[in-house]
């Protein structure tokens, strides 16, 4: 039995789903007000001067602080079932199914949020290691529960949850610098669907 580790945004999907979900989950009035706050960060991100981690944390903080958790979970349910199927790469699903038919353990390892990622992964029988939002008294705090699951955090969480010695081969699939540490765990590495030699 092998272990297959897949990034989600940009690897399984054709787009970054995180900002699309945030736009759907954030109340309209706050989206308008928050746009001005986030605009410089987004410009910095597009210019390569601000990390995705920083932008995601700002989006969560500005957009979701104080929003009822149940409301956002409902948005996540609809997002997983209605939107995500339209942006998933058919070749990615074929590869996931190939691993499943071999009896491999398939894990989505992503900075995407549990509020929609777990819902999407459930029908495929996939494990999920991802970012989670903190809630208190039924409302989101605008912070993560733990840390954003990107870069070195991906590797740390994989090693905490899976004994790599139990698997015959490790496969890893990613598409950005945030996936490099995860790819380094694998003997079979795929970056933007092109195989790398170890």
N, C-alpha and C. Protein backbone atom coordinates (compact mmCIF):
# COMPACT_ATOMS: atom_id res chain seq x y z
N UNK A 1 0.84 -1.19 0.00
CA UNK A 1 0.00 0.00 0.00
C UNK A 1 0.88 1.25 0.00
N UNK A 2 0.52 2.21 -0.87
CA UNK A 2 1.27 3.46 -0.98
C UNK A 2 0.47 4.61 -0.38
N UNK A 3 1.15 5.75 -0.22
CA UNK A 3 0.53 6.97 0.29
C UNK A 3 0.62 8.03 -0.79
N UNK A 4 -0.51 8.66 -1.11
CA UNK A 4 -0.54 9.71 -2.13
C UNK A 4 -0.99 11.02 -1.48
N UNK A 5 -0.16 12.05 -1.60
CA UNK A 5 -0.41 13.36 -0.99
C UNK A 5 -0.69 14.37 -2.09
N UNK A 6 -1.87 14.97 -2.04
CA UNK A 6 -2.27 15.93 -3.07
C UNK A 6 -2.52 17.31 -2.47
N UNK A 7 -1.87 18.32 -3.01
CA UNK A 7 -2.29 19.69 -2.78
C UNK A 7 -3.66 19.85 -3.47
N UNK A 8 -4.42 20.87 -3.07
CA UNK A 8 -5.75 21.06 -3.65
C UNK A 8 -5.79 22.22 -4.65
N UNK A 9 -5.69 23.46 -4.17
CA UNK A 9 -5.80 24.61 -5.06
C UNK A 9 -4.67 24.63 -6.09
N UNK A 10 -5.06 24.64 -7.36
CA UNK A 10 -4.08 24.69 -8.44
C UNK A 10 -3.54 23.35 -8.85
N UNK A 11 -3.71 22.32 -8.01
CA UNK A 11 -3.27 20.97 -8.35
C UNK A 11 -4.48 20.13 -8.73
N UNK A 12 -5.42 19.99 -7.82
CA UNK A 12 -6.66 19.29 -8.15
C UNK A 12 -7.62 20.23 -8.87
N UNK A 13 -7.57 21.51 -8.52
CA UNK A 13 -8.45 22.48 -9.16
C UNK A 13 -7.69 23.31 -10.19
N UNK A 14 -8.44 23.98 -11.05
CA UNK A 14 -7.83 24.84 -12.08
C UNK A 14 -7.62 26.25 -11.56
N UNK A 15 -8.20 26.59 -10.40
CA UNK A 15 -8.11 27.93 -9.83
C UNK A 15 -7.82 27.85 -8.34
N UNK A 16 -7.52 29.00 -7.74
CA UNK A 16 -7.41 29.09 -6.29
C UNK A 16 -8.83 29.24 -5.74
N UNK A 17 -9.28 28.25 -5.00
CA UNK A 17 -10.67 28.26 -4.52
C UNK A 17 -10.84 29.08 -3.25
N UNK A 18 -9.78 29.27 -2.48
CA UNK A 18 -9.88 29.97 -1.20
C UNK A 18 -10.52 31.36 -1.34
N UNK A 19 -10.01 32.24 -2.23
CA UNK A 19 -10.62 33.56 -2.32
C UNK A 19 -12.05 33.53 -2.84
N UNK A 20 -12.37 32.57 -3.68
CA UNK A 20 -13.74 32.45 -4.19
C UNK A 20 -14.68 32.11 -3.03
N UNK A 21 -14.26 31.17 -2.19
CA UNK A 21 -15.07 30.81 -1.03
C UNK A 21 -15.25 32.00 -0.10
N UNK A 22 -14.17 32.73 0.16
CA UNK A 22 -14.25 33.88 1.06
C UNK A 22 -15.27 34.88 0.53
N UNK A 23 -15.24 35.15 -0.77
CA UNK A 23 -16.20 36.11 -1.34
C UNK A 23 -17.64 35.66 -1.14
N UNK A 24 -17.86 34.36 -1.14
CA UNK A 24 -19.22 33.84 -0.95
C UNK A 24 -19.62 33.80 0.52
N UNK A 25 -18.65 33.64 1.40
CA UNK A 25 -18.95 33.46 2.82
C UNK A 25 -19.05 34.76 3.59
N UNK A 26 -18.36 35.79 3.12
CA UNK A 26 -18.32 37.06 3.85
C UNK A 26 -19.59 37.86 3.58
N UNK A 27 -20.22 38.41 4.61
CA UNK A 27 -21.40 39.26 4.40
C UNK A 27 -21.09 40.41 3.44
N UNK A 28 -22.05 40.78 2.60
CA UNK A 28 -21.82 41.75 1.53
C UNK A 28 -21.30 43.08 2.06
N UNK A 29 -21.91 43.61 3.11
CA UNK A 29 -21.47 44.91 3.64
C UNK A 29 -20.01 44.86 4.09
N UNK A 30 -19.61 43.75 4.69
CA UNK A 30 -18.23 43.62 5.15
C UNK A 30 -17.29 43.45 3.98
N UNK A 31 -17.75 42.80 2.92
CA UNK A 31 -16.92 42.63 1.73
C UNK A 31 -16.56 43.99 1.14
N UNK A 32 -17.53 44.88 1.10
CA UNK A 32 -17.28 46.22 0.55
C UNK A 32 -16.28 46.97 1.43
N UNK A 33 -16.51 46.96 2.73
CA UNK A 33 -15.62 47.67 3.66
C UNK A 33 -14.24 47.03 3.69
N UNK A 34 -14.20 45.70 3.69
CA UNK A 34 -12.93 44.99 3.78
C UNK A 34 -12.08 45.08 2.53
N UNK A 35 -12.74 45.34 1.38
CA UNK A 35 -12.00 45.43 0.13
C UNK A 35 -10.90 46.47 0.17
N UNK A 36 -11.20 47.61 0.80
CA UNK A 36 -10.21 48.68 0.88
C UNK A 36 -9.03 48.27 1.76
N UNK A 37 -9.32 47.52 2.82
CA UNK A 37 -8.26 47.07 3.72
C UNK A 37 -7.36 46.05 3.04
N UNK A 38 -7.98 45.15 2.28
CA UNK A 38 -7.23 44.05 1.67
C UNK A 38 -6.55 44.41 0.35
N UNK A 39 -6.99 45.47 -0.30
CA UNK A 39 -6.48 45.81 -1.63
C UNK A 39 -4.95 45.90 -1.69
N UNK A 40 -4.28 46.57 -0.74
CA UNK A 40 -2.81 46.63 -0.83
C UNK A 40 -2.16 45.25 -0.68
N UNK A 41 -2.72 44.42 0.18
CA UNK A 41 -2.16 43.07 0.34
C UNK A 41 -2.32 42.25 -0.93
N UNK A 42 -3.50 42.35 -1.55
CA UNK A 42 -3.75 41.59 -2.78
C UNK A 42 -2.83 42.06 -3.90
N UNK A 43 -2.61 43.36 -3.97
CA UNK A 43 -1.68 43.89 -4.97
C UNK A 43 -0.27 43.37 -4.71
N UNK A 44 0.13 43.33 -3.44
CA UNK A 44 1.44 42.81 -3.08
C UNK A 44 1.58 41.33 -3.40
N UNK A 45 0.50 40.59 -3.20
CA UNK A 45 0.51 39.16 -3.52
C UNK A 45 0.70 38.94 -5.02
N UNK A 46 -0.06 39.71 -5.81
CA UNK A 46 0.05 39.56 -7.27
C UNK A 46 1.44 39.95 -7.77
N UNK A 47 2.08 40.87 -7.06
CA UNK A 47 3.43 41.30 -7.44
C UNK A 47 4.52 40.39 -6.89
N UNK A 48 4.11 39.37 -6.10
CA UNK A 48 5.07 38.44 -5.54
C UNK A 48 5.78 38.97 -4.30
N UNK A 49 5.23 40.03 -3.69
CA UNK A 49 5.87 40.64 -2.52
C UNK A 49 5.22 40.24 -1.20
N UNK A 50 4.02 39.66 -1.27
CA UNK A 50 3.29 39.24 -0.07
C UNK A 50 2.94 37.77 -0.23
N UNK A 51 3.12 36.99 0.83
CA UNK A 51 2.87 35.55 0.75
C UNK A 51 1.38 35.23 0.75
N UNK A 52 1.04 34.08 0.17
CA UNK A 52 -0.34 33.61 0.21
C UNK A 52 -0.81 33.41 1.63
N UNK A 53 0.08 32.98 2.50
CA UNK A 53 -0.25 32.78 3.91
C UNK A 53 -0.73 34.07 4.56
N UNK A 54 -0.03 35.16 4.29
CA UNK A 54 -0.39 36.46 4.85
C UNK A 54 -1.74 36.92 4.33
N UNK A 55 -1.97 36.76 3.04
CA UNK A 55 -3.23 37.19 2.43
C UNK A 55 -4.39 36.37 2.97
N UNK A 56 -4.20 35.05 3.08
CA UNK A 56 -5.29 34.20 3.59
C UNK A 56 -5.66 34.59 5.02
N UNK A 57 -4.66 34.81 5.86
CA UNK A 57 -4.94 35.19 7.25
C UNK A 57 -5.69 36.51 7.31
N UNK A 58 -5.32 37.46 6.45
CA UNK A 58 -6.01 38.75 6.44
C UNK A 58 -7.45 38.59 5.97
N UNK A 59 -7.67 37.77 4.96
CA UNK A 59 -9.03 37.54 4.47
C UNK A 59 -9.91 36.94 5.56
N UNK A 60 -9.37 35.98 6.28
CA UNK A 60 -10.13 35.35 7.37
C UNK A 60 -10.41 36.35 8.47
N UNK A 61 -9.40 37.12 8.84
CA UNK A 61 -9.56 38.08 9.93
C UNK A 61 -10.54 39.19 9.61
N UNK A 62 -10.39 39.78 8.44
CA UNK A 62 -11.25 40.89 8.05
C UNK A 62 -12.66 40.40 7.70
N UNK A 63 -12.72 39.28 6.99
CA UNK A 63 -14.00 38.85 6.45
C UNK A 63 -14.87 38.02 7.35
N UNK A 64 -14.28 37.20 8.22
CA UNK A 64 -15.09 36.20 8.93
C UNK A 64 -15.17 36.39 10.44
N UNK A 65 -14.47 37.35 10.99
CA UNK A 65 -14.53 37.57 12.44
C UNK A 65 -15.97 37.89 12.85
N UNK A 66 -16.51 37.10 13.78
CA UNK A 66 -17.85 37.34 14.32
C UNK A 66 -18.99 36.76 13.51
N UNK A 67 -18.70 36.17 12.37
CA UNK A 67 -19.75 35.59 11.52
C UNK A 67 -20.17 34.25 12.13
N UNK A 68 -21.48 33.95 12.18
CA UNK A 68 -21.93 32.67 12.74
C UNK A 68 -21.30 31.48 12.01
N UNK A 69 -20.74 30.56 12.78
CA UNK A 69 -20.08 29.39 12.19
C UNK A 69 -21.05 28.57 11.34
N UNK A 70 -22.27 28.37 11.81
CA UNK A 70 -23.24 27.57 11.06
C UNK A 70 -23.52 28.16 9.69
N UNK A 71 -23.60 29.47 9.62
CA UNK A 71 -23.85 30.12 8.33
C UNK A 71 -22.72 29.83 7.35
N UNK A 72 -21.48 29.93 7.84
CA UNK A 72 -20.34 29.70 6.96
C UNK A 72 -20.24 28.23 6.58
N UNK A 73 -20.61 27.33 7.49
CA UNK A 73 -20.63 25.91 7.15
C UNK A 73 -21.64 25.62 6.06
N UNK A 74 -22.79 26.27 6.10
CA UNK A 74 -23.79 26.09 5.05
C UNK A 74 -23.25 26.56 3.70
N UNK A 75 -22.55 27.69 3.70
CA UNK A 75 -21.93 28.18 2.47
C UNK A 75 -20.89 27.16 1.98
N UNK A 76 -20.12 26.60 2.91
CA UNK A 76 -19.12 25.60 2.55
C UNK A 76 -19.73 24.36 1.94
N UNK A 77 -20.86 23.93 2.47
CA UNK A 77 -21.56 22.75 1.94
C UNK A 77 -21.98 23.00 0.49
N UNK A 78 -22.59 24.14 0.24
CA UNK A 78 -23.03 24.47 -1.12
C UNK A 78 -21.83 24.64 -2.05
N UNK A 79 -20.79 25.28 -1.55
CA UNK A 79 -19.58 25.51 -2.34
C UNK A 79 -18.97 24.18 -2.78
N UNK A 80 -18.89 23.23 -1.85
CA UNK A 80 -18.29 21.92 -2.16
C UNK A 80 -19.10 21.15 -3.19
N UNK A 81 -20.40 21.25 -3.11
CA UNK A 81 -21.26 20.44 -3.96
C UNK A 81 -21.68 21.10 -5.27
N UNK A 82 -21.69 22.43 -5.28
CA UNK A 82 -22.16 23.13 -6.48
C UNK A 82 -21.04 23.80 -7.28
N UNK A 83 -20.06 24.37 -6.58
CA UNK A 83 -19.00 25.10 -7.29
C UNK A 83 -17.77 24.24 -7.59
N UNK A 84 -17.26 23.54 -6.60
CA UNK A 84 -16.00 22.82 -6.79
C UNK A 84 -16.02 21.82 -7.96
N UNK A 85 -17.12 21.08 -8.17
CA UNK A 85 -17.09 20.15 -9.30
C UNK A 85 -16.83 20.83 -10.65
N UNK A 86 -17.11 22.12 -10.74
CA UNK A 86 -16.91 22.83 -12.01
C UNK A 86 -15.46 23.24 -12.24
N UNK A 87 -14.62 23.23 -11.19
CA UNK A 87 -13.24 23.70 -11.34
C UNK A 87 -12.22 22.61 -11.04
N UNK A 88 -12.67 21.38 -10.88
CA UNK A 88 -11.76 20.26 -10.63
C UNK A 88 -11.22 19.73 -11.96
N UNK A 89 -9.94 19.46 -11.99
CA UNK A 89 -9.31 18.91 -13.20
C UNK A 89 -9.72 17.45 -13.37
N UNK A 90 -10.28 17.09 -14.51
CA UNK A 90 -10.62 15.67 -14.74
C UNK A 90 -9.40 14.76 -14.60
N UNK A 91 -8.24 15.22 -15.05
CA UNK A 91 -7.03 14.39 -14.94
C UNK A 91 -6.65 14.16 -13.48
N UNK A 92 -6.93 15.15 -12.62
CA UNK A 92 -6.63 14.99 -11.20
C UNK A 92 -7.53 13.93 -10.58
N UNK A 93 -8.81 13.96 -10.92
CA UNK A 93 -9.74 12.97 -10.39
C UNK A 93 -9.37 11.57 -10.90
N UNK A 94 -8.95 11.49 -12.15
CA UNK A 94 -8.51 10.20 -12.69
C UNK A 94 -7.32 9.67 -11.89
N UNK A 95 -6.40 10.55 -11.54
CA UNK A 95 -5.23 10.12 -10.77
C UNK A 95 -5.61 9.71 -9.36
N UNK A 96 -6.51 10.47 -8.73
CA UNK A 96 -7.01 10.10 -7.40
C UNK A 96 -7.66 8.72 -7.47
N UNK A 97 -8.50 8.50 -8.47
CA UNK A 97 -9.18 7.21 -8.60
C UNK A 97 -8.18 6.08 -8.88
N UNK A 98 -7.13 6.37 -9.64
CA UNK A 98 -6.10 5.38 -9.89
C UNK A 98 -5.47 4.93 -8.58
N UNK A 99 -5.15 5.89 -7.71
CA UNK A 99 -4.59 5.54 -6.42
C UNK A 99 -5.59 4.74 -5.58
N UNK A 100 -6.84 5.16 -5.59
CA UNK A 100 -7.85 4.46 -4.78
C UNK A 100 -8.03 3.01 -5.24
N UNK A 101 -8.05 2.78 -6.55
CA UNK A 101 -8.24 1.41 -7.05
C UNK A 101 -7.04 0.51 -6.69
N UNK A 102 -5.89 1.11 -6.46
CA UNK A 102 -4.72 0.34 -6.05
C UNK A 102 -4.71 0.06 -4.55
N UNK A 103 -5.65 0.68 -3.84
CA UNK A 103 -5.69 0.50 -2.39
C UNK A 103 -4.82 1.47 -1.63
N UNK A 104 -4.38 2.54 -2.29
CA UNK A 104 -3.51 3.53 -1.63
C UNK A 104 -4.33 4.41 -0.68
N UNK A 105 -3.65 4.97 0.30
CA UNK A 105 -4.23 6.01 1.15
C UNK A 105 -4.01 7.33 0.42
N UNK A 106 -5.10 8.06 0.17
CA UNK A 106 -5.02 9.33 -0.55
C UNK A 106 -5.38 10.46 0.41
N UNK A 107 -4.50 11.46 0.50
CA UNK A 107 -4.68 12.55 1.45
C UNK A 107 -4.62 13.89 0.71
N UNK A 108 -5.62 14.73 0.95
CA UNK A 108 -5.58 16.11 0.47
C UNK A 108 -4.89 16.92 1.56
N UNK A 109 -3.80 17.59 1.19
CA UNK A 109 -3.01 18.37 2.16
C UNK A 109 -3.02 19.81 1.64
N UNK A 110 -3.75 20.68 2.34
CA UNK A 110 -4.04 21.97 1.74
C UNK A 110 -4.24 23.09 2.75
N UNK A 111 -3.96 24.31 2.29
CA UNK A 111 -4.30 25.51 3.06
C UNK A 111 -5.77 25.87 2.89
N UNK A 112 -6.49 25.15 2.02
CA UNK A 112 -7.93 25.35 1.89
C UNK A 112 -8.60 25.02 3.22
N UNK A 113 -9.83 25.47 3.38
CA UNK A 113 -10.51 25.37 4.68
C UNK A 113 -11.35 24.11 4.81
N UNK A 114 -11.35 23.56 6.02
CA UNK A 114 -12.14 22.37 6.33
C UNK A 114 -13.62 22.58 6.03
N UNK A 115 -14.10 23.81 6.11
CA UNK A 115 -15.53 24.10 5.95
C UNK A 115 -16.08 23.66 4.60
N UNK A 116 -15.22 23.55 3.60
CA UNK A 116 -15.68 23.03 2.32
C UNK A 116 -14.85 21.84 1.83
N UNK A 117 -13.58 21.79 2.21
CA UNK A 117 -12.72 20.73 1.68
C UNK A 117 -13.13 19.35 2.17
N UNK A 118 -13.48 19.22 3.44
CA UNK A 118 -13.89 17.91 3.96
C UNK A 118 -15.17 17.44 3.30
N UNK A 119 -16.09 18.36 3.06
CA UNK A 119 -17.35 18.02 2.38
C UNK A 119 -17.07 17.50 0.97
N UNK A 120 -16.16 18.16 0.26
CA UNK A 120 -15.83 17.74 -1.10
C UNK A 120 -15.14 16.38 -1.12
N UNK A 121 -14.24 16.15 -0.18
CA UNK A 121 -13.42 14.93 -0.18
C UNK A 121 -14.18 13.68 0.27
N UNK A 122 -15.22 13.87 1.07
CA UNK A 122 -15.92 12.73 1.68
C UNK A 122 -16.41 11.69 0.66
N UNK A 123 -17.10 12.07 -0.42
CA UNK A 123 -17.58 11.05 -1.36
C UNK A 123 -16.49 10.24 -2.03
N UNK A 124 -15.29 10.82 -2.11
CA UNK A 124 -14.16 10.12 -2.73
C UNK A 124 -13.43 9.21 -1.74
N UNK A 125 -13.77 9.31 -0.46
CA UNK A 125 -13.10 8.52 0.56
C UNK A 125 -11.68 8.97 0.82
N UNK A 126 -11.44 10.29 0.78
CA UNK A 126 -10.10 10.83 0.94
C UNK A 126 -9.89 11.36 2.35
N UNK A 127 -8.68 11.22 2.86
CA UNK A 127 -8.30 11.87 4.10
C UNK A 127 -8.05 13.36 3.80
N UNK A 128 -8.20 14.19 4.82
CA UNK A 128 -7.98 15.63 4.63
C UNK A 128 -7.11 16.17 5.76
N UNK A 129 -6.05 16.86 5.38
CA UNK A 129 -5.20 17.60 6.31
C UNK A 129 -5.23 19.04 5.79
N UNK A 130 -5.83 19.96 6.56
CA UNK A 130 -6.05 21.29 6.01
C UNK A 130 -6.13 22.35 7.11
N UNK A 131 -6.30 23.59 6.69
CA UNK A 131 -6.48 24.69 7.62
C UNK A 131 -7.88 24.65 8.21
N UNK A 132 -7.98 25.02 9.47
CA UNK A 132 -9.27 25.04 10.18
C UNK A 132 -9.47 26.39 10.83
N UNK A 133 -10.71 26.82 10.89
CA UNK A 133 -11.01 28.11 11.51
C UNK A 133 -11.44 27.93 12.95
N UNK A 134 -11.05 28.88 13.77
CA UNK A 134 -11.40 28.86 15.18
C UNK A 134 -12.79 29.48 15.37
N UNK A 135 -13.57 28.86 16.27
CA UNK A 135 -14.90 29.38 16.61
C UNK A 135 -15.07 29.38 18.12
N UNK A 136 -15.79 30.38 18.61
CA UNK A 136 -16.14 30.44 20.03
C UNK A 136 -17.59 30.87 20.14
N UNK A 137 -18.34 30.15 20.97
CA UNK A 137 -19.74 30.47 21.19
C UNK A 137 -20.52 30.59 19.88
N UNK A 138 -20.19 29.69 18.93
CA UNK A 138 -20.94 29.64 17.68
C UNK A 138 -20.55 30.67 16.64
N UNK A 139 -19.51 31.47 16.92
CA UNK A 139 -19.08 32.48 15.94
C UNK A 139 -17.59 32.32 15.64
N UNK A 140 -17.23 32.59 14.40
CA UNK A 140 -15.82 32.53 14.02
C UNK A 140 -15.06 33.68 14.65
N UNK A 141 -13.83 33.39 15.06
CA UNK A 141 -13.02 34.42 15.72
C UNK A 141 -12.21 35.26 14.74
N UNK A 142 -12.14 34.80 13.48
CA UNK A 142 -11.28 35.48 12.51
C UNK A 142 -9.84 34.99 12.56
N UNK A 143 -9.62 33.90 13.31
CA UNK A 143 -8.29 33.30 13.40
C UNK A 143 -8.37 31.82 13.03
N UNK A 144 -7.20 31.25 12.78
CA UNK A 144 -7.12 29.81 12.53
C UNK A 144 -7.13 29.05 13.84
N UNK A 145 -7.66 27.84 13.80
CA UNK A 145 -7.50 26.89 14.90
C UNK A 145 -6.20 26.16 14.58
N UNK A 146 -5.14 26.50 15.28
CA UNK A 146 -3.82 26.01 14.91
C UNK A 146 -3.23 26.95 13.86
N UNK A 147 -2.45 26.39 12.94
CA UNK A 147 -1.76 27.23 11.95
C UNK A 147 -2.28 26.94 10.55
N UNK A 148 -2.02 27.89 9.67
CA UNK A 148 -2.35 27.73 8.25
C UNK A 148 -1.56 26.53 7.71
N UNK A 149 -2.23 25.63 7.03
CA UNK A 149 -1.59 24.40 6.55
C UNK A 149 -0.91 24.64 5.21
N UNK A 150 0.25 25.29 5.27
CA UNK A 150 1.02 25.54 4.06
C UNK A 150 2.51 25.41 4.37
N UNK A 151 3.31 25.25 3.33
CA UNK A 151 4.75 25.17 3.49
C UNK A 151 5.17 24.10 4.48
N UNK A 152 6.03 24.43 5.45
CA UNK A 152 6.51 23.45 6.41
C UNK A 152 5.40 22.82 7.25
N UNK A 153 4.28 23.54 7.43
CA UNK A 153 3.16 22.99 8.20
C UNK A 153 2.58 21.75 7.53
N UNK A 154 2.60 21.72 6.20
CA UNK A 154 2.11 20.53 5.50
C UNK A 154 2.93 19.31 5.92
N UNK A 155 4.24 19.45 5.86
CA UNK A 155 5.11 18.34 6.23
C UNK A 155 4.94 17.95 7.69
N UNK A 156 4.88 18.94 8.57
CA UNK A 156 4.73 18.65 10.01
C UNK A 156 3.46 17.87 10.28
N UNK A 157 2.37 18.25 9.65
CA UNK A 157 1.10 17.56 9.90
C UNK A 157 1.08 16.17 9.29
N UNK A 158 1.68 16.03 8.12
CA UNK A 158 1.76 14.70 7.51
C UNK A 158 2.53 13.76 8.42
N UNK A 159 3.70 14.20 8.89
CA UNK A 159 4.53 13.35 9.74
C UNK A 159 3.87 13.06 11.09
N UNK A 160 3.03 13.98 11.57
CA UNK A 160 2.33 13.75 12.83
C UNK A 160 1.20 12.74 12.69
N UNK A 161 0.63 12.63 11.50
CA UNK A 161 -0.54 11.77 11.31
C UNK A 161 -0.27 10.46 10.58
N UNK A 162 0.85 10.40 9.85
CA UNK A 162 1.12 9.20 9.05
C UNK A 162 2.55 8.71 9.30
N UNK A 163 2.69 7.42 9.53
CA UNK A 163 4.00 6.79 9.68
C UNK A 163 4.47 6.41 8.28
N UNK A 164 5.35 7.20 7.70
CA UNK A 164 5.75 6.99 6.31
C UNK A 164 6.43 5.65 6.09
N UNK A 165 6.97 5.06 7.16
CA UNK A 165 7.64 3.76 7.02
C UNK A 165 6.64 2.64 6.69
N UNK A 166 5.37 2.88 6.93
CA UNK A 166 4.34 1.85 6.68
C UNK A 166 4.00 1.70 5.20
N UNK A 167 4.46 2.64 4.37
CA UNK A 167 4.02 2.66 2.97
C UNK A 167 5.16 2.27 2.04
N UNK A 168 4.80 1.53 0.99
CA UNK A 168 5.79 1.09 0.02
C UNK A 168 6.40 2.24 -0.76
N UNK A 169 5.54 3.18 -1.15
CA UNK A 169 5.98 4.34 -1.92
C UNK A 169 5.18 5.56 -1.49
N UNK A 170 5.81 6.71 -1.53
CA UNK A 170 5.12 7.97 -1.24
C UNK A 170 5.04 8.75 -2.55
N UNK A 171 3.83 9.17 -2.90
CA UNK A 171 3.59 10.04 -4.05
C UNK A 171 3.19 11.42 -3.51
N UNK A 172 3.63 12.48 -4.19
CA UNK A 172 3.20 13.82 -3.79
C UNK A 172 2.97 14.67 -5.04
N UNK A 173 1.91 15.47 -4.98
CA UNK A 173 1.49 16.30 -6.11
C UNK A 173 1.29 17.73 -5.62
N UNK A 174 1.97 18.69 -6.26
CA UNK A 174 1.82 20.09 -5.86
C UNK A 174 2.03 21.01 -7.03
N UNK A 175 1.87 22.33 -6.76
CA UNK A 175 2.00 23.28 -7.87
C UNK A 175 2.65 24.61 -7.49
N UNK A 176 2.97 24.83 -6.20
CA UNK A 176 3.60 26.10 -5.82
C UNK A 176 4.73 25.85 -4.83
N UNK A 177 5.42 26.93 -4.49
CA UNK A 177 6.50 26.85 -3.52
C UNK A 177 6.01 26.36 -2.16
N UNK A 178 4.73 26.59 -1.85
CA UNK A 178 4.17 26.13 -0.58
C UNK A 178 4.10 24.60 -0.49
N UNK A 179 4.32 23.91 -1.62
CA UNK A 179 4.26 22.45 -1.64
C UNK A 179 5.63 21.79 -1.62
N UNK A 180 6.70 22.58 -1.68
CA UNK A 180 8.04 22.01 -1.84
C UNK A 180 8.41 21.06 -0.70
N UNK A 181 8.12 21.43 0.54
CA UNK A 181 8.48 20.56 1.67
C UNK A 181 7.72 19.24 1.58
N UNK A 182 6.44 19.30 1.20
CA UNK A 182 5.66 18.07 1.06
C UNK A 182 6.24 17.19 -0.05
N UNK A 183 6.59 17.81 -1.16
CA UNK A 183 7.17 17.04 -2.27
C UNK A 183 8.45 16.34 -1.85
N UNK A 184 9.21 16.98 -0.95
CA UNK A 184 10.49 16.40 -0.53
C UNK A 184 10.32 15.09 0.24
N UNK A 185 9.11 14.83 0.75
CA UNK A 185 8.86 13.58 1.47
C UNK A 185 8.72 12.38 0.53
N UNK A 186 8.48 12.65 -0.74
CA UNK A 186 8.06 11.59 -1.66
C UNK A 186 9.19 11.08 -2.54
N UNK A 187 9.07 9.82 -2.90
CA UNK A 187 9.95 9.25 -3.91
C UNK A 187 9.43 9.53 -5.30
N UNK A 188 8.10 9.68 -5.42
CA UNK A 188 7.45 10.02 -6.69
C UNK A 188 6.86 11.41 -6.54
N UNK A 189 7.49 12.39 -7.18
CA UNK A 189 7.11 13.79 -7.01
C UNK A 189 6.57 14.35 -8.32
N UNK A 190 5.45 15.06 -8.22
CA UNK A 190 4.84 15.66 -9.41
C UNK A 190 4.58 17.13 -9.12
N UNK A 191 5.20 18.00 -9.92
CA UNK A 191 5.02 19.44 -9.78
C UNK A 191 4.32 19.93 -11.04
N UNK A 192 3.11 20.49 -10.84
CA UNK A 192 2.27 20.90 -11.97
C UNK A 192 2.09 19.77 -12.97
N UNK A 193 1.92 18.58 -12.40
CA UNK A 193 1.63 17.34 -13.14
C UNK A 193 2.78 16.83 -13.97
N UNK A 194 3.98 17.37 -13.77
CA UNK A 194 5.17 16.84 -14.41
C UNK A 194 6.02 16.13 -13.37
N UNK A 195 6.42 14.90 -13.67
CA UNK A 195 7.20 14.14 -12.70
C UNK A 195 8.61 14.70 -12.58
N UNK A 196 9.06 14.81 -11.33
CA UNK A 196 10.41 15.23 -11.03
C UNK A 196 11.25 14.03 -10.67
N UNK A 197 12.50 14.08 -11.01
CA UNK A 197 13.40 13.03 -10.54
C UNK A 197 13.89 13.42 -9.15
N UNK A 198 13.95 12.47 -8.23
CA UNK A 198 14.39 12.78 -6.85
C UNK A 198 15.79 13.36 -6.82
